[in-house]
C-alpha atoms as a PDB file:
ATOM      1  CA  UNK A   1      57.898 181.442 124.087  1.00  0.00           C
ATOM      2  CA  UNK A   2      56.593 180.179 127.558  1.00  0.00           C
ATOM      3  CA  UNK A   3      58.665 178.104 130.020  1.00  0.00           C
ATOM      4  CA  UNK A   4      57.842 174.648 129.062  1.00  0.00           C
ATOM      5  CA  UNK A   5      58.023 175.105 125.402  1.00  0.00           C
ATOM      6  CA  UNK A   6      61.574 176.768 125.926  1.00  0.00           C
ATOM      7  CA  UNK A   7      62.411 173.778 128.515  1.00  0.00           C
ATOM      8  CA  UNK A   8      61.269 171.017 125.536  1.00  0.00           C
ATOM      9  CA  UNK A   9      63.585 172.741 123.174  1.00  0.00           C
ATOM     10  CA  UNK A  10      66.700 172.807 125.898  1.00  0.00           C
ATOM     11  CA  UNK A  11      65.583 169.089 126.708  1.00  0.00           C
ATOM     12  CA  UNK A  12      65.739 168.070 123.008  1.00  0.00           C
ATOM     13  CA  UNK A  13      68.442 170.408 121.377  1.00  0.00           C
ATOM     14  CA  UNK A  14      71.604 168.213 122.121  1.00  0.00           C
ATOM     15  CA  UNK A  15      70.153 164.775 120.813  1.00  0.00           C
ATOM     16  CA  UNK A  16      71.308 163.866 117.689  1.00  0.00           C
ATOM     17  CA  UNK A  17      68.619 162.971 115.153  1.00  0.00           C
ATOM     18  CA  UNK A  18      68.458 161.986 111.891  1.00  0.00           C
ATOM     19  CA  UNK A  19      65.964 160.266 109.484  1.00  0.00           C
ATOM     20  CA  UNK A  20      66.343 157.135 111.108  1.00  0.00           C
ATOM     21  CA  UNK A  21      67.950 155.516 114.373  1.00  0.00           C
ATOM     22  CA  UNK A  22      67.665 156.331 118.293  1.00  0.00           C
ATOM     23  CA  UNK A  23      67.833 160.042 118.024  1.00  0.00           C
ATOM     24  CA  UNK A  24      64.642 160.423 116.403  1.00  0.00           C
ATOM     25  CA  UNK A  25      63.023 157.412 118.362  1.00  0.00           C
ATOM     26  CA  UNK A  26      63.763 159.260 121.272  1.00  0.00           C
ATOM     27  CA  UNK A  27      62.673 162.495 120.470  1.00  0.00           C
ATOM     28  CA  UNK A  28      59.473 161.087 119.176  1.00  0.00           C
ATOM     29  CA  UNK A  29      59.277 159.383 122.389  1.00  0.00           C
ATOM     30  CA  UNK A  30      59.715 162.660 124.200  1.00  0.00           C
ATOM     31  CA  UNK A  31      56.728 164.420 122.211  1.00  0.00           C
ATOM     32  CA  UNK A  32      54.553 161.242 122.673  1.00  0.00           C
ATOM     33  CA  UNK A  33      55.318 161.685 126.779  1.00  0.00           C
ATOM     34  CA  UNK A  34      53.916 165.119 126.561  1.00  0.00           C
ATOM     35  CA  UNK A  35      51.154 164.397 124.812  1.00  0.00           C
ATOM     36  CA  UNK A  36      50.020 160.553 124.815  1.00  0.00           C
ATOM     37  CA  UNK A  37      47.329 161.044 122.054  1.00  0.00           C
ATOM     38  CA  UNK A  38      50.619 160.720 120.003  1.00  0.00           C
ATOM     39  CA  UNK A  39      50.706 157.330 118.432  1.00  0.00           C
ATOM     40  CA  UNK A  40      53.833 155.224 116.962  1.00  0.00           C
ATOM     41  CA  UNK A  41      54.030 154.354 113.437  1.00  0.00           C
ATOM     42  CA  UNK A  42      56.791 152.300 112.124  1.00  0.00           C
ATOM     43  CA  UNK A  43      58.270 151.374 108.739  1.00  0.00           C
ATOM     44  CA  UNK A  44      60.566 148.225 108.230  1.00  0.00           C
ATOM     45  CA  UNK A  45      64.107 149.175 106.382  1.00  0.00           C
ATOM     46  CA  UNK A  46      63.787 147.921 102.936  1.00  0.00           C
ATOM     47  CA  UNK A  47      60.097 148.673 102.361  1.00  0.00           C
ATOM     48  CA  UNK A  48      59.055 150.328  99.264  1.00  0.00           C
ATOM     49  CA  UNK A  49      56.443 153.323 100.023  1.00  0.00           C
ATOM     50  CA  UNK A  50      55.668 154.712  96.880  1.00  0.00           C
ATOM     51  CA  UNK A  51      59.080 154.557  94.496  1.00  0.00           C
ATOM     52  CA  UNK A  52      60.640 155.457  97.575  1.00  0.00           C
ATOM     53  CA  UNK A  53      62.966 152.488  99.713  1.00  0.00           C
ATOM     54  CA  UNK A  54      62.685 153.021 103.624  1.00  0.00           C
ATOM     55  CA  UNK A  55      66.261 153.065 104.533  1.00  0.00           C
ATOM     56  CA  UNK A  56      68.282 151.548 107.076  1.00  0.00           C
ATOM     57  CA  UNK A  57      68.564 152.875 110.833  1.00  0.00           C
ATOM     58  CA  UNK A  58      71.435 155.238 111.288  1.00  0.00           C
ATOM     59  CA  UNK A  59      73.401 155.183 114.538  1.00  0.00           C
ATOM     60  CA  UNK A  60      76.518 156.960 115.653  1.00  0.00           C
ATOM     61  CA  UNK A  61      78.701 156.807 119.163  1.00  0.00           C
ATOM     62  CA  UNK A  62      81.709 159.268 117.793  1.00  0.00           C
ATOM     63  CA  UNK A  63      83.516 160.986 115.120  1.00  0.00           C
ATOM     64  CA  UNK A  64      86.735 163.261 115.001  1.00  0.00           C
ATOM     65  CA  UNK A  65      89.484 164.335 112.895  1.00  0.00           C
ATOM     66  CA  UNK A  66      93.142 163.485 114.664  1.00  0.00           C
ATOM     67  CA  UNK A  67      96.596 165.053 114.609  1.00  0.00           C
ATOM     68  CA  UNK A  68      98.629 162.033 114.433  1.00  0.00           C
ATOM     69  CA  UNK A  69     101.301 163.376 116.429  1.00  0.00           C
ATOM     70  CA  UNK A  70      99.696 165.778 118.755  1.00  0.00           C
ATOM     71  CA  UNK A  71      96.519 163.579 118.855  1.00  0.00           C
ATOM     72  CA  UNK A  72      94.661 166.746 118.568  1.00  0.00           C
ATOM     73  CA  UNK A  73      91.223 166.501 117.332  1.00  0.00           C
ATOM     74  CA  UNK A  74      88.986 168.496 115.089  1.00  0.00           C
ATOM     75  CA  UNK A  75      85.517 168.531 114.225  1.00  0.00           C
ATOM     76  CA  UNK A  76      84.996 166.397 117.697  1.00  0.00           C
ATOM     77  CA  UNK A  77      81.165 164.995 117.446  1.00  0.00           C
ATOM     78  CA  UNK A  78      81.535 164.778 121.210  1.00  0.00           C
ATOM     79  CA  UNK A  79      81.812 168.518 121.216  1.00  0.00           C
ATOM     80  CA  UNK A  80      79.015 169.430 118.558  1.00  0.00           C
ATOM     81  CA  UNK A  81      77.251 166.990 117.045  1.00  0.00           C
ATOM     82  CA  UNK A  82      76.998 168.949 113.833  1.00  0.00           C
ATOM     83  CA  UNK A  83      80.398 167.914 112.716  1.00  0.00           C
ATOM     84  CA  UNK A  84      79.438 164.778 111.123  1.00  0.00           C
ATOM     85  CA  UNK A  85      78.023 164.141 107.951  1.00  0.00           C
ATOM     86  CA  UNK A  86      74.847 163.080 109.020  1.00  0.00           C
ATOM     87  CA  UNK A  87      73.954 159.390 107.645  1.00  0.00           C
ATOM     88  CA  UNK A  88      78.104 159.063 107.416  1.00  0.00           C
ATOM     89  CA  UNK A  89      79.466 155.519 106.818  1.00  0.00           C
ATOM     90  CA  UNK A  90      82.001 154.399 109.331  1.00  0.00           C
ATOM     91  CA  UNK A  91      85.724 154.802 108.664  1.00  0.00           C
ATOM     92  CA  UNK A  92      88.986 154.587 110.828  1.00  0.00           C
ATOM     93  CA  UNK A  93      92.066 155.276 108.794  1.00  0.00           C
ATOM     94  CA  UNK A  94      94.874 157.346 108.385  1.00  0.00           C
ATOM     95  CA  UNK A  95      93.978 159.792 104.762  1.00  0.00           C
ATOM     96  CA  UNK A  96      96.169 162.638 102.927  1.00  0.00           C
ATOM     97  CA  UNK A  97      95.161 166.396 103.457  1.00  0.00           C
ATOM     98  CA  UNK A  98      93.852 166.097  99.945  1.00  0.00           C
ATOM     99  CA  UNK A  99      91.658 163.204 100.468  1.00  0.00           C
ATOM    100  CA  UNK A 100      90.334 164.435 104.019  1.00  0.00           C
ATOM    101  CA  UNK A 101      89.544 168.171 102.310  1.00  0.00           C
ATOM    102  CA  UNK A 102      87.514 166.413  99.896  1.00  0.00           C
ATOM    103  CA  UNK A 103      85.446 165.104 102.395  1.00  0.00           C
ATOM    104  CA  UNK A 104      85.093 168.440 104.827  1.00  0.00           C
ATOM    105  CA  UNK A 105      82.268 170.768 104.300  1.00  0.00           C
ATOM    106  CA  UNK A 106      82.422 174.740 105.424  1.00  0.00           C
ATOM    107  CA  UNK A 107      81.219 177.955 104.956  1.00  0.00           C
ATOM    108  CA  UNK A 108      83.537 180.562 103.918  1.00  0.00           C
ATOM    109  CA  UNK A 109      80.733 183.322 103.877  1.00  0.00           C
ATOM    110  CA  UNK A 110      80.899 182.305 108.189  1.00  0.00           C
ATOM    111  CA  UNK A 111      83.937 181.570 109.128  1.00  0.00           C
ATOM    112  CA  UNK A 112      83.013 180.577 112.397  1.00  0.00           C
ATOM    113  CA  UNK A 113      79.805 178.506 111.524  1.00  0.00           C
ATOM    114  CA  UNK A 114      79.525 174.740 111.164  1.00  0.00           C
ATOM    115  CA  UNK A 115      77.180 174.009 108.461  1.00  0.00           C
ATOM    116  CA  UNK A 116      74.723 171.115 108.561  1.00  0.00           C
ATOM    117  CA  UNK A 117      75.385 168.458 105.806  1.00  0.00           C
ATOM    118  CA  UNK A 118      73.349 165.348 105.196  1.00  0.00           C
ATOM    119  CA  UNK A 119      74.111 162.207 102.706  1.00  0.00           C
ATOM    120  CA  UNK A 120      70.812 159.837 103.399  1.00  0.00           C
ATOM    121  CA  UNK A 121      70.741 158.092 100.131  1.00  0.00           C
ATOM    122  CA  UNK A 122      74.608 157.957  98.828  1.00  0.00           C
ATOM    123  CA  UNK A 123      77.114 156.253 100.834  1.00  0.00           C
ATOM    124  CA  UNK A 124      79.425 158.907 101.793  1.00  0.00           C
ATOM    125  CA  UNK A 125      81.650 159.960 105.093  1.00  0.00           C
ATOM    126  CA  UNK A 126      82.463 163.660 106.016  1.00  0.00           C
ATOM    127  CA  UNK A 127      83.102 166.379 108.410  1.00  0.00           C
ATOM    128  CA  UNK A 128      81.021 169.834 108.564  1.00  0.00           C
ATOM    129  CA  UNK A 129      83.837 172.209 110.070  1.00  0.00           C
ATOM    130  CA  UNK A 130      84.116 176.132 110.754  1.00  0.00           C
ATOM    131  CA  UNK A 131      85.806 177.565 108.167  1.00  0.00           C
ATOM    132  CA  UNK A 132      88.186 179.356 110.871  1.00  0.00           C
ATOM    133  CA  UNK A 133      89.099 175.767 111.915  1.00  0.00           C
ATOM    134  CA  UNK A 134      89.611 174.136 108.737  1.00  0.00           C
ATOM    135  CA  UNK A 135      92.334 176.252 108.097  1.00  0.00           C
ATOM    136  CA  UNK A 136      94.300 174.810 110.899  1.00  0.00           C
ATOM    137  CA  UNK A 137      94.410 171.758 109.234  1.00  0.00           C
ATOM    138  CA  UNK A 138      98.126 172.032 107.873  1.00  0.00           C
ATOM    139  CA  UNK A 139      99.481 168.534 108.334  1.00  0.00           C
ATOM    140  CA  UNK A 140      99.968 165.493 105.578  1.00  0.00           C
ATOM    141  CA  UNK A 141      97.965 163.375 107.190  1.00  0.00           C
ATOM    142  CA  UNK A 142      95.279 162.569 109.510  1.00  0.00           C
ATOM    143  CA  UNK A 143      93.025 159.970 111.452  1.00  0.00           C
ATOM    144  CA  UNK A 144      89.654 160.116 110.514  1.00  0.00           C
ATOM    145  CA  UNK A 145      87.362 158.177 112.476  1.00  0.00           C
ATOM    146  CA  UNK A 146      83.769 158.085 112.229  1.00  0.00           C
ATOM    147  CA  UNK A 147      82.200 155.240 114.296  1.00  0.00           C
ATOM    148  CA  UNK A 148      78.670 154.870 113.119  1.00  0.00           C
ATOM    149  CA  UNK A 149      76.725 152.052 112.087  1.00  0.00           C
ATOM    150  CA  UNK A 150      73.830 150.838 109.303  1.00  0.00           C
ATOM    151  CA  UNK A 151      71.492 148.040 110.829  1.00  0.00           C
ATOM    152  CA  UNK A 152      67.893 147.016 109.493  1.00  0.00           C
ATOM    153  CA  UNK A 153      65.014 148.495 111.538  1.00  0.00           C
ATOM    154  CA  UNK A 154      62.278 150.937 111.041  1.00  0.00           C
ATOM    155  CA  UNK A 155      61.557 154.313 110.352  1.00  0.00           C
ATOM    156  CA  UNK A 156      59.629 156.291 113.019  1.00  0.00           C
ATOM    157  CA  UNK A 157      57.082 159.148 113.045  1.00  0.00           C
ATOM    158  CA  UNK A 158      54.458 159.816 115.423  1.00  0.00           C
ATOM    159  CA  UNK A 159      50.797 160.749 114.676  1.00  0.00           C
ATOM    160  CA  UNK A 160      47.474 162.499 116.702  1.00  0.00           C
ATOM    161  CA  UNK A 161      43.760 162.594 115.878  1.00  0.00           C
ATOM    162  CA  UNK A 162      41.351 164.829 117.645  1.00  0.00           C
ATOM    163  CA  UNK A 163      38.080 164.391 116.443  1.00  0.00           C
ATOM    164  CA  UNK A 164      35.007 166.838 116.188  1.00  0.00           C
ATOM    165  CA  UNK A 165      31.701 167.147 115.048  1.00  0.00           C
ATOM    166  CA  UNK A 166      32.863 167.626 111.440  1.00  0.00           C
ATOM    167  CA  UNK A 167      35.341 164.415 109.908  1.00  0.00           C
ATOM    168  CA  UNK A 168      36.724 167.535 107.634  1.00  0.00           C
ATOM    169  CA  UNK A 169      40.326 167.981 109.242  1.00  0.00           C
ATOM    170  CA  UNK A 170      42.844 170.462 109.882  1.00  0.00           C
ATOM    171  CA  UNK A 171      46.073 168.957 109.207  1.00  0.00           C
ATOM    172  CA  UNK A 172      49.494 170.089 111.238  1.00  0.00           C
ATOM    173  CA  UNK A 173      52.783 168.149 110.217  1.00  0.00           C
ATOM    174  CA  UNK A 174      56.163 168.920 111.222  1.00  0.00           C
ATOM    175  CA  UNK A 175      60.028 167.467 110.598  1.00  0.00           C
ATOM    176  CA  UNK A 176      61.773 166.380 113.510  1.00  0.00           C
ATOM    177  CA  UNK A 177      64.743 164.670 112.000  1.00  0.00           C
ATOM    178  CA  UNK A 178      67.616 167.579 112.548  1.00  0.00           C
ATOM    179  CA  UNK A 179      70.296 167.400 114.999  1.00  0.00           C
ATOM    180  CA  UNK A 180      70.529 170.957 117.231  1.00  0.00           C
ATOM    181  CA  UNK A 181      69.197 173.555 115.067  1.00  0.00           C
ATOM    182  CA  UNK A 182      66.474 174.997 117.354  1.00  0.00           C
ATOM    183  CA  UNK A 183      65.099 177.261 114.399  1.00  0.00           C
ATOM    184  CA  UNK A 184      65.465 174.796 111.526  1.00  0.00           C
ATOM    185  CA  UNK A 185      63.870 172.102 113.300  1.00  0.00           C
ATOM    186  CA  UNK A 186      62.786 171.987 117.093  1.00  0.00           C
ATOM    187  CA  UNK A 187      60.667 174.961 116.342  1.00  0.00           C
ATOM    188  CA  UNK A 188      58.000 173.241 114.386  1.00  0.00           C
ATOM    189  CA  UNK A 189      57.419 170.117 116.797  1.00  0.00           C
ATOM    190  CA  UNK A 190      57.495 172.343 119.757  1.00  0.00           C
ATOM    191  CA  UNK A 191      54.971 174.361 118.337  1.00  0.00           C
ATOM    192  CA  UNK A 192      52.887 171.994 117.362  1.00  0.00           C
ATOM    193  CA  UNK A 193      52.833 170.337 120.741  1.00  0.00           C
ATOM    194  CA  UNK A 194      51.632 173.405 122.066  1.00  0.00           C
ATOM    195  CA  UNK A 195      48.785 173.626 119.467  1.00  0.00           C
ATOM    196  CA  UNK A 196      47.680 170.089 120.537  1.00  0.00           C
ATOM    197  CA  UNK A 197      47.689 171.432 124.154  1.00  0.00           C
ATOM    198  CA  UNK A 198      44.999 174.086 123.273  1.00  0.00           C
ATOM    199  CA  UNK A 199      43.272 171.700 120.699  1.00  0.00           C
ATOM    200  CA  UNK A 200      42.540 169.233 123.594  1.00  0.00           C
ATOM    201  CA  UNK A 201      41.132 171.714 125.810  1.00  0.00           C
ATOM    202  CA  UNK A 202      38.201 172.913 123.116  1.00  0.00           C
ATOM    203  CA  UNK A 203      35.124 171.222 124.142  1.00  0.00           C
ATOM    204  CA  UNK A 204      33.042 171.429 121.284  1.00  0.00           C
ATOM    205  CA  UNK A 205      35.376 171.340 118.558  1.00  0.00           C
ATOM    206  CA  UNK A 206      33.757 171.818 114.804  1.00  0.00           C
ATOM    207  CA  UNK A 207      36.774 170.336 113.025  1.00  0.00           C
ATOM    208  CA  UNK A 208      38.752 167.185 113.676  1.00  0.00           C
ATOM    209  CA  UNK A 209      42.554 167.684 114.133  1.00  0.00           C
ATOM    210  CA  UNK A 210      45.546 165.916 112.470  1.00  0.00           C
ATOM    211  CA  UNK A 211      48.987 166.191 113.737  1.00  0.00           C
ATOM    212  CA  UNK A 212      52.170 164.388 112.461  1.00  0.00           C
ATOM    213  CA  UNK A 213      56.012 164.338 113.460  1.00  0.00           C
ATOM    214  CA  UNK A 214      58.360 162.636 111.275  1.00  0.00           C
ATOM    215  CA  UNK A 215      61.809 162.629 109.534  1.00  0.00           C
ATOM    216  CA  UNK A 216      62.039 164.937 106.447  1.00  0.00           C
ATOM    217  CA  UNK A 217      60.708 163.608 102.682  1.00  0.00           C
ATOM    218  CA  UNK A 218      60.803 160.016 103.485  1.00  0.00           C
ATOM    219  CA  UNK A 219      58.515 160.382 106.382  1.00  0.00           C
ATOM    220  CA  UNK A 220      55.868 162.310 104.860  1.00  0.00           C
ATOM    221  CA  UNK A 221      56.207 159.913 102.067  1.00  0.00           C
ATOM    222  CA  UNK A 222      55.616 156.838 104.162  1.00  0.00           C
ATOM    223  CA  UNK A 223      52.555 158.435 105.868  1.00  0.00           C
ATOM    224  CA  UNK A 224      51.153 159.037 102.662  1.00  0.00           C
ATOM    225  CA  UNK A 225      51.614 155.659 101.926  1.00  0.00           C
ATOM    226  CA  UNK A 226      49.158 154.251 104.988  1.00  0.00           C
ATOM    227  CA  UNK A 227      46.754 157.521 104.931  1.00  0.00           C
ATOM    228  CA  UNK A 228      46.601 159.035 101.432  1.00  0.00           C
ATOM    229  CA  UNK A 229      42.914 157.917 100.897  1.00  0.00           C
ATOM    230  CA  UNK A 230      41.744 159.320 104.554  1.00  0.00           C
ATOM    231  CA  UNK A 231      43.615 162.420 103.754  1.00  0.00           C
ATOM    232  CA  UNK A 232      42.210 163.215 100.391  1.00  0.00           C
ATOM    233  CA  UNK A 233      38.862 162.249 101.577  1.00  0.00           C
ATOM    234  CA  UNK A 234      39.316 164.968 104.652  1.00  0.00           C
END
């Protein structure tokens, strides 16, 4: 990995991305600035793409579990954005320990790790926490606070096409919707960006090259709904 690629990962790693919302928009804009060949496609919330529906935009400002007496916070979103169940519904109330534990996600096999869990298509709230910290939650009640919201908007993705002598295309695709996991998510988009840097320098391209950056599953389905005939043809 060169210095430029490492810088891109360092810049994008802290952003709380999801399949919709400000995180993925900001990340797509970053790659569009790096490579102006990338153009944005938008799909309106509620739009049907094949047999799927474009979800609302999700945004989040804060989330934590709070000890009512000491005010100590656990699973603090501001410490690590993996701590919140991605696409979590908002909540601000005092709950029992039993109720809280029904909404906690941890990995017994990796007691120091924070898992990444989503609830894109089912309304839910929750926290992801290390098994080590979960064992510290011994009080009978806790305040749970997730300051998130859903709004009508758009699902965003970016695509680029470098034409060659032949209309037949070589196709690159990568997801860009997961937060703070370099190997899982950022490695793909960063590598594609570097490949494009190489492709645009080729003077006599035999084939055309198509690249897309999008949110997982729903982004691919949305893109296919717009470009299926072209992709099948080329």
